[in-house]
Amino acid sequence: MTLSMTPQIQSPCKLICELDLDKGLCKGCGRSREEIAMWTRYSDAQRAFIMTELDERLEALGASD
């Protein structure tokens, strides 16, 4: 398989990498430090599940600012 044929892994990263230390979540994407570190090792199903939770997490972070 060539590099151009390598499947892309969907990521919610917005290149705003700042952790909310109280909640332990990234203010840009809503993932935890562990989720960010493990993202490429998660299955498609695991990533999809986490993606369903991110909007709610980001809303909670906005409410705490």
N, C-alpha and C. Protein backbone atom coordinates (compact mmCIF):
# COMPACT_ATOMS: atom_id res chain seq x y z
N MET A 1 0.85 -1.18 0.00
CA MET A 1 0.00 0.00 0.00
C MET A 1 0.90 1.24 0.00
N THR A 2 0.61 2.17 -0.86
CA THR A 2 1.38 3.41 -0.90
C THR A 2 0.79 4.41 0.08
N LEU A 3 1.55 5.43 0.37
CA LEU A 3 1.10 6.45 1.31
C LEU A 3 -0.21 7.08 0.86
N SER A 4 -0.36 7.32 -0.42
CA SER A 4 -1.58 7.94 -0.93
C SER A 4 -2.80 7.03 -0.76
N MET A 5 -2.57 5.74 -0.57
CA MET A 5 -3.67 4.81 -0.40
C MET A 5 -3.97 4.54 1.08
N THR A 6 -3.19 5.12 1.99
CA THR A 6 -3.41 4.93 3.42
C THR A 6 -4.69 5.64 3.81
N PRO A 7 -5.61 4.93 4.48
CA PRO A 7 -6.86 5.57 4.87
C PRO A 7 -6.63 6.69 5.88
N GLN A 8 -7.40 7.74 5.76
CA GLN A 8 -7.34 8.86 6.69
C GLN A 8 -8.11 8.52 7.95
N ILE A 9 -7.55 8.88 9.10
CA ILE A 9 -8.25 8.69 10.37
C ILE A 9 -8.94 10.00 10.70
N GLN A 10 -10.24 9.94 10.89
CA GLN A 10 -11.01 11.13 11.22
C GLN A 10 -10.57 11.65 12.58
N SER A 11 -10.38 12.95 12.68
CA SER A 11 -9.95 13.56 13.93
C SER A 11 -10.72 14.85 14.17
N PRO A 12 -11.11 15.09 15.43
CA PRO A 12 -11.81 16.33 15.75
C PRO A 12 -10.85 17.48 16.06
N CYS A 13 -9.55 17.25 15.93
CA CYS A 13 -8.55 18.25 16.29
C CYS A 13 -8.77 19.54 15.51
N LYS A 14 -8.73 20.67 16.25
CA LYS A 14 -8.89 21.99 15.63
C LYS A 14 -7.62 22.81 15.78
N LEU A 15 -6.53 22.14 16.18
CA LEU A 15 -5.23 22.77 16.38
C LEU A 15 -5.30 23.88 17.43
N ILE A 16 -6.20 23.72 18.39
CA ILE A 16 -6.29 24.59 19.56
C ILE A 16 -6.00 23.69 20.75
N CYS A 17 -4.75 23.42 20.98
CA CYS A 17 -4.35 22.40 21.95
C CYS A 17 -4.10 23.05 23.31
N GLU A 18 -5.18 23.23 24.06
CA GLU A 18 -5.09 23.82 25.39
C GLU A 18 -6.00 23.02 26.31
N LEU A 19 -5.42 22.46 27.37
CA LEU A 19 -6.21 21.64 28.29
C LEU A 19 -6.86 22.48 29.37
N ASP A 20 -8.12 22.20 29.63
CA ASP A 20 -8.80 22.74 30.80
C ASP A 20 -8.39 21.83 31.95
N LEU A 21 -7.59 22.36 32.86
CA LEU A 21 -7.03 21.52 33.92
C LEU A 21 -8.07 21.02 34.90
N ASP A 22 -9.15 21.76 35.10
CA ASP A 22 -10.22 21.31 36.01
C ASP A 22 -10.96 20.11 35.46
N LYS A 23 -11.31 20.17 34.18
CA LYS A 23 -12.09 19.10 33.57
C LYS A 23 -11.22 18.06 32.87
N GLY A 24 -9.96 18.40 32.60
CA GLY A 24 -9.04 17.46 31.95
C GLY A 24 -9.36 17.24 30.48
N LEU A 25 -9.94 18.26 29.84
CA LEU A 25 -10.32 18.14 28.43
C LEU A 25 -9.68 19.25 27.61
N CYS A 26 -9.42 18.96 26.36
CA CYS A 26 -8.88 19.96 25.44
C CYS A 26 -9.98 20.97 25.12
N LYS A 27 -9.64 22.25 25.20
CA LYS A 27 -10.61 23.31 24.91
C LYS A 27 -10.93 23.41 23.42
N GLY A 28 -10.08 22.84 22.57
CA GLY A 28 -10.30 22.89 21.13
C GLY A 28 -11.20 21.78 20.63
N CYS A 29 -10.92 20.55 21.09
CA CYS A 29 -11.66 19.40 20.53
C CYS A 29 -12.53 18.67 21.55
N GLY A 30 -12.28 18.85 22.83
CA GLY A 30 -13.11 18.20 23.85
C GLY A 30 -12.62 16.83 24.29
N ARG A 31 -11.50 16.38 23.72
CA ARG A 31 -10.98 15.07 24.11
C ARG A 31 -10.11 15.18 25.36
N SER A 32 -10.02 14.05 26.08
CA SER A 32 -9.13 13.98 27.22
C SER A 32 -7.70 13.78 26.73
N ARG A 33 -6.74 14.00 27.62
CA ARG A 33 -5.34 13.78 27.27
C ARG A 33 -5.12 12.34 26.80
N GLU A 34 -5.74 11.39 27.49
CA GLU A 34 -5.60 9.97 27.12
C GLU A 34 -6.19 9.71 25.73
N GLU A 35 -7.38 10.27 25.48
CA GLU A 35 -8.01 10.08 24.16
C GLU A 35 -7.16 10.64 23.04
N ILE A 36 -6.54 11.78 23.28
CA ILE A 36 -5.67 12.38 22.27
C ILE A 36 -4.48 11.46 22.01
N ALA A 37 -3.87 10.98 23.08
CA ALA A 37 -2.68 10.12 22.95
C ALA A 37 -3.01 8.79 22.28
N MET A 38 -4.18 8.25 22.52
CA MET A 38 -4.55 6.93 22.01
C MET A 38 -5.34 6.98 20.70
N TRP A 39 -5.62 8.17 20.18
CA TRP A 39 -6.54 8.34 19.05
C TRP A 39 -6.24 7.42 17.88
N THR A 40 -5.00 7.33 17.47
CA THR A 40 -4.68 6.51 16.30
C THR A 40 -4.73 5.02 16.60
N ARG A 41 -4.77 4.65 17.86
CA ARG A 41 -4.85 3.24 18.24
C ARG A 41 -6.28 2.76 18.46
N TYR A 42 -7.20 3.70 18.61
CA TYR A 42 -8.60 3.33 18.80
C TYR A 42 -9.18 2.77 17.50
N SER A 43 -10.17 1.93 17.64
CA SER A 43 -10.88 1.43 16.45
C SER A 43 -11.77 2.54 15.90
N ASP A 44 -12.25 2.36 14.68
CA ASP A 44 -13.18 3.34 14.10
C ASP A 44 -14.41 3.51 14.98
N ALA A 45 -14.89 2.41 15.55
CA ALA A 45 -16.08 2.46 16.42
C ALA A 45 -15.79 3.26 17.69
N GLN A 46 -14.62 3.06 18.28
CA GLN A 46 -14.27 3.80 19.49
C GLN A 46 -14.17 5.30 19.19
N ARG A 47 -13.52 5.65 18.09
CA ARG A 47 -13.40 7.07 17.72
C ARG A 47 -14.77 7.65 17.44
N ALA A 48 -15.62 6.92 16.75
CA ALA A 48 -16.96 7.41 16.43
C ALA A 48 -17.76 7.66 17.70
N PHE A 49 -17.64 6.77 18.68
CA PHE A 49 -18.36 6.96 19.94
C PHE A 49 -17.88 8.22 20.65
N ILE A 50 -16.58 8.41 20.73
CA ILE A 50 -16.03 9.60 21.38
C ILE A 50 -16.50 10.85 20.65
N MET A 51 -16.50 10.81 19.33
CA MET A 51 -16.93 11.96 18.54
C MET A 51 -18.37 12.37 18.88
N THR A 52 -19.23 11.41 19.22
CA THR A 52 -20.62 11.75 19.56
C THR A 52 -20.72 12.52 20.87
N GLU A 53 -19.70 12.44 21.71
CA GLU A 53 -19.73 13.10 23.01
C GLU A 53 -19.08 14.49 23.01
N LEU A 54 -18.34 14.83 21.96
CA LEU A 54 -17.51 16.02 22.00
C LEU A 54 -18.29 17.33 22.05
N ASP A 55 -19.37 17.46 21.32
CA ASP A 55 -20.15 18.71 21.36
C ASP A 55 -20.62 19.01 22.78
N GLU A 56 -21.12 18.00 23.46
CA GLU A 56 -21.61 18.17 24.83
C GLU A 56 -20.45 18.55 25.77
N ARG A 57 -19.32 17.92 25.60
CA ARG A 57 -18.15 18.25 26.41
C ARG A 57 -17.71 19.69 26.19
N LEU A 58 -17.67 20.11 24.94
CA LEU A 58 -17.25 21.48 24.63
C LEU A 58 -18.24 22.50 25.17
N GLU A 59 -19.53 22.18 25.13
CA GLU A 59 -20.53 23.05 25.72
C GLU A 59 -20.30 23.19 27.22
N ALA A 60 -20.00 22.10 27.89
CA ALA A 60 -19.73 22.12 29.33
C ALA A 60 -18.47 22.95 29.63
N LEU A 61 -17.47 22.85 28.77
CA LEU A 61 -16.27 23.66 28.96
C LEU A 61 -16.57 25.13 28.80
N GLY A 62 -17.41 25.48 27.84
CA GLY A 62 -17.79 26.88 27.61
C GLY A 62 -18.57 27.46 28.78
N ALA A 63 -19.39 26.64 29.40
CA ALA A 63 -20.19 27.07 30.54
C ALA A 63 -19.32 27.33 31.75
N SER A 64 -18.16 26.64 31.82
CA SER A 64 -17.30 26.79 33.00
C SER A 64 -16.33 27.96 32.87
N ASP A 65 -16.21 28.54 31.66
CA ASP A 65 -15.27 29.66 31.46
C ASP A 65 -15.81 30.95 32.03
